[in-house]
Protein backbone atom coordinates (compact mmCIF):
# COMPACT_ATOMS: atom_id res chain seq x y z
CA MET A 1 54.70 -27.67 189.48
CA LYS A 2 56.09 -25.68 192.36
CA SER A 3 53.26 -23.17 191.82
CA THR A 4 50.66 -25.96 192.07
CA GLN A 5 52.21 -27.24 195.30
CA THR A 6 52.21 -23.74 196.75
CA ASP A 7 48.54 -23.26 195.79
CA SER A 8 47.73 -26.64 197.31
CA ASN A 9 49.58 -25.76 200.52
CA ASN A 10 47.82 -22.38 200.67
CA ASN A 11 44.41 -24.06 200.18
CA GLN A 12 45.22 -26.53 202.96
CA LYS A 13 46.27 -23.66 205.25
CA THR A 14 43.08 -21.76 204.37
CA ASN A 15 40.93 -24.85 205.01
CA THR A 16 42.76 -25.54 208.26
CA THR A 17 42.39 -21.90 209.29
CA SER A 18 38.67 -21.91 208.34
CA SER A 19 38.05 -25.19 210.16
CA GLY A 20 39.90 -23.91 213.19
CA MET A 21 37.96 -20.65 213.13
CA ILE A 22 34.61 -22.43 212.75
CA GLY A 23 35.56 -24.80 215.54
CA LYS A 24 36.42 -21.87 217.78
CA LEU A 25 33.12 -20.14 216.94
CA VAL A 26 31.08 -23.29 217.63
CA GLY A 27 33.05 -23.94 220.81
CA GLY A 28 32.55 -20.36 221.93
CA ALA A 29 28.83 -20.51 221.23
CA LEU A 30 28.50 -23.75 223.19
CA LEU A 31 30.50 -22.28 226.05
CA ALA A 32 28.26 -19.19 226.08
CA LEU A 33 25.15 -21.38 226.12
CA GLY A 34 26.55 -23.45 228.96
CA VAL A 35 27.49 -20.40 231.00
CA SER A 36 24.11 -18.77 230.43
CA TYR A 37 22.37 -22.02 231.46
CA PHE A 38 24.29 -22.17 234.76
CA VAL A 39 23.85 -18.45 235.43
CA THR A 40 20.12 -18.75 234.85
CA LYS A 41 19.95 -21.82 237.07
CA SER A 42 21.92 -20.15 239.87
CA GLN A 43 19.80 -16.98 239.69
CA SER A 44 16.61 -19.00 239.96
CA LYS A 45 15.35 -18.99 243.53
CA LYS A 46 13.00 -21.96 242.98
CA THR A 47 13.29 -24.99 245.20
CA ALA A 48 13.10 -28.59 244.00
CA VAL A 49 9.51 -28.70 245.24
CA SER A 50 8.63 -25.62 243.20
CA ASP A 51 10.28 -27.13 240.11
CA SER A 52 8.36 -30.38 240.49
CA GLU A 53 5.18 -28.38 241.10
CA THR A 54 5.80 -26.46 237.87
CA ASP A 55 6.57 -29.69 235.98
CA SER A 56 3.40 -31.38 237.26
CA LEU A 57 1.34 -28.34 236.36
CA GLN A 58 2.77 -28.09 232.84
CA GLU A 59 2.16 -31.81 232.25
CA LEU A 60 -1.44 -31.49 233.44
CA LEU A 61 -1.98 -28.45 231.22
CA LEU A 62 -0.98 -30.47 228.15
CA PHE A 63 -3.81 -32.89 228.91
CA VAL A 64 -6.28 -30.08 229.63
CA ASN A 65 -5.36 -28.57 226.25
CA ASP A 66 -5.92 -32.01 224.68
CA ARG A 67 -9.35 -31.97 226.29
CA ILE A 68 -10.12 -28.60 224.68
CA ALA A 69 -8.99 -29.80 221.24
CA GLY A 70 -10.96 -33.05 221.56
CA TYR A 71 -14.23 -31.38 222.53
CA LYS A 72 -13.85 -28.70 219.85
CA ARG A 73 -13.47 -31.51 217.34
CA ALA A 74 -16.62 -33.16 218.73
CA VAL A 75 -18.57 -29.89 218.38
CA ASP A 76 -17.52 -29.69 214.73
CA GLU A 77 -18.41 -33.32 213.94
CA SER A 78 -21.55 -34.02 215.95
CA LYS A 79 -24.93 -33.66 214.28
CA ASP A 80 -26.86 -34.29 217.51
CA ALA A 81 -28.06 -30.99 219.03
CA GLU A 82 -28.06 -32.30 222.62
CA LEU A 83 -24.54 -33.70 222.33
CA THR A 84 -23.20 -30.64 220.51
CA GLY A 85 -24.55 -28.43 223.30
CA TYR A 86 -22.88 -30.59 225.94
CA TYR A 87 -19.58 -30.66 224.05
CA LYS A 88 -19.67 -26.85 223.85
CA GLN A 89 -20.11 -26.74 227.64
CA LEU A 90 -17.10 -29.03 228.02
CA VAL A 91 -15.00 -26.84 225.69
CA SER A 92 -15.86 -23.81 227.84
CA GLN A 93 -15.19 -25.72 231.06
CA SER A 94 -11.83 -26.96 229.74
CA GLN A 95 -10.83 -23.45 228.68
CA GLN A 96 -11.65 -22.18 232.17
CA PHE A 97 -9.58 -25.02 233.65
CA ALA A 98 -6.63 -24.12 231.41
CA ASN A 99 -6.91 -20.41 232.27
CA GLN A 100 -6.95 -21.13 236.00
CA LEU A 101 -4.00 -23.54 235.79
CA ASN A 102 -2.03 -21.13 233.58
CA GLN A 103 -2.61 -18.39 236.16
CA HIS A 104 -1.02 -20.63 238.80
CA LEU A 105 1.80 -21.46 236.38
CA ARG A 106 2.54 -17.75 235.88
CA GLN A 107 2.62 -17.29 239.67
CA LEU A 108 5.28 -20.02 239.79
CA GLY A 109 7.32 -18.13 237.21
CA GLY A 110 6.36 -20.20 234.17
CA GLY A 111 4.93 -19.11 230.85
CA ARG A 112 1.49 -19.90 229.47
CA GLU A 113 1.22 -23.55 228.37
CA THR A 114 -0.78 -23.93 225.15
CA GLY A 115 0.66 -27.19 223.81
CA THR A 116 -0.93 -30.62 223.67
CA THR A 117 0.47 -34.10 224.12
CA LEU A 118 1.90 -36.10 221.23
CA LYS A 119 -0.47 -38.92 222.16
CA GLY A 120 -3.43 -36.57 221.88
CA LYS A 121 -2.29 -35.28 218.50
CA LEU A 122 -1.79 -38.81 217.17
CA TYR A 123 -5.16 -39.94 218.53
CA ARG A 124 -6.99 -37.03 216.89
CA ARG A 125 -5.23 -37.79 213.57
CA TRP A 126 -6.26 -41.43 213.86
CA MET A 127 -9.87 -40.40 214.58
CA ASP A 128 -9.79 -38.10 211.53
CA ALA A 129 -8.56 -40.96 209.34
CA LYS A 130 -11.18 -43.30 210.78
CA ALA A 131 -13.95 -40.73 210.20
CA THR A 132 -12.83 -40.34 206.59
CA VAL A 133 -13.46 -44.06 206.06
CA THR A 134 -16.50 -44.63 208.28
CA GLY A 135 -18.06 -41.16 208.42
CA PHE A 136 -18.85 -39.15 211.52
CA ASP A 137 -20.77 -41.50 213.77
CA GLU A 138 -22.26 -40.18 217.05
CA LYS A 139 -21.30 -43.41 218.83
CA ALA A 140 -17.70 -43.08 217.66
CA ILE A 141 -17.59 -39.42 218.70
CA LEU A 142 -18.95 -40.30 222.15
CA ALA A 143 -16.53 -43.22 222.50
CA SER A 144 -13.64 -40.95 221.59
CA ASN A 145 -14.72 -38.40 224.21
CA VAL A 146 -15.10 -41.08 226.88
CA TYR A 147 -11.60 -42.30 226.05
CA GLY A 148 -10.21 -38.76 226.14
CA GLU A 149 -11.86 -38.05 229.49
CA GLU A 150 -10.30 -41.24 230.89
CA TRP A 151 -6.90 -39.80 229.99
CA ALA A 152 -7.77 -36.44 231.53
CA ILE A 153 -8.80 -38.16 234.77
CA LYS A 154 -5.55 -40.13 234.77
CA ALA A 155 -3.57 -36.90 234.28
CA TYR A 156 -5.36 -35.25 237.23
CA LYS A 157 -4.82 -38.34 239.37
CA ASP A 158 -1.12 -38.48 238.47
CA ALA A 159 -0.70 -34.78 239.31
CA LEU A 160 -2.41 -35.24 242.67
CA ASP A 161 -0.56 -38.48 243.47
CA SER A 162 2.80 -36.82 242.81
CA GLN A 163 2.34 -34.79 246.02
CA SER A 164 4.11 -31.87 244.33
CA LEU A 165 1.03 -29.62 244.19
CA THR A 166 0.37 -27.54 247.29
CA GLY A 167 -2.02 -24.98 248.71
CA GLN A 168 -4.56 -23.29 246.46
CA LEU A 169 -3.14 -24.97 243.37
CA ARG A 170 -3.79 -28.41 244.85
CA GLN A 171 -7.35 -27.39 245.78
CA GLU A 172 -7.94 -26.15 242.21
CA VAL A 173 -6.63 -29.39 240.70
CA GLU A 174 -8.79 -31.44 243.09
CA ARG A 175 -11.84 -29.38 242.05
CA GLN A 176 -11.09 -29.88 238.35
CA TYR A 177 -10.49 -33.59 238.93
CA GLU A 178 -13.98 -33.91 240.45
CA LYS A 179 -15.52 -32.00 237.52
CA SER A 180 -13.68 -34.22 235.05
CA GLN A 181 -15.03 -37.33 236.82
CA GLN A 182 -18.55 -35.88 236.62
CA ALA A 183 -18.11 -35.25 232.88
CA TYR A 184 -16.84 -38.80 232.44
CA ASP A 185 -19.89 -40.23 234.24
CA LYS A 186 -22.27 -38.16 232.12
CA LEU A 187 -20.48 -39.14 228.89
CA GLN A 188 -20.79 -42.81 229.83
CA LYS A 189 -24.53 -42.37 230.44
CA LEU A 190 -24.92 -40.60 227.08
CA GLN A 191 -22.93 -43.37 225.43
CA SER A 192 -25.22 -46.02 226.92
CA LYS A 193 -28.29 -44.04 225.83
CA HIS A 194 -27.03 -43.74 222.23
CA SER A 195 -25.96 -47.40 222.09
CA ALA A 196 -29.47 -48.63 222.90
């Protein structure tokens, strides 16, 4: 019996020692992460304006990347030669927009933004499910692109309204905003033409 108690006490000591050691390792890792976070933050020479400029730019890029994904999807689904040609132009335009904005992002010290918004991903999934049931309808494809362009315009407007974008970057975003509005107007005209 004494042997069993000794084994039990040794197991408890081993478990306590292991738990303590794991706790120390986890604590040490968290401490290292915290220290590296503050060191990185203190070494960064960016101002609050620069950080908000970077944040606005990254947010806008997510929507521009949504725009690329949406128009690529339209190219794949559309059977109308005129519309497919226009969607291809919008894919190219959106890719140019993303490249120009990513260049500015790199100048601000950020990395290339290639992600899309969760909303955009969910919307494209919903459109895929809808197309599975109803088929690929040109009116539905156009409506989806009009809706997507409305969100792109809103993203540009939000970025410009934030007042965080300055200089050449602001001019570039203003230029892209105007082009996005022109695309929206043309999509609405095409939608009216195909609804008649």
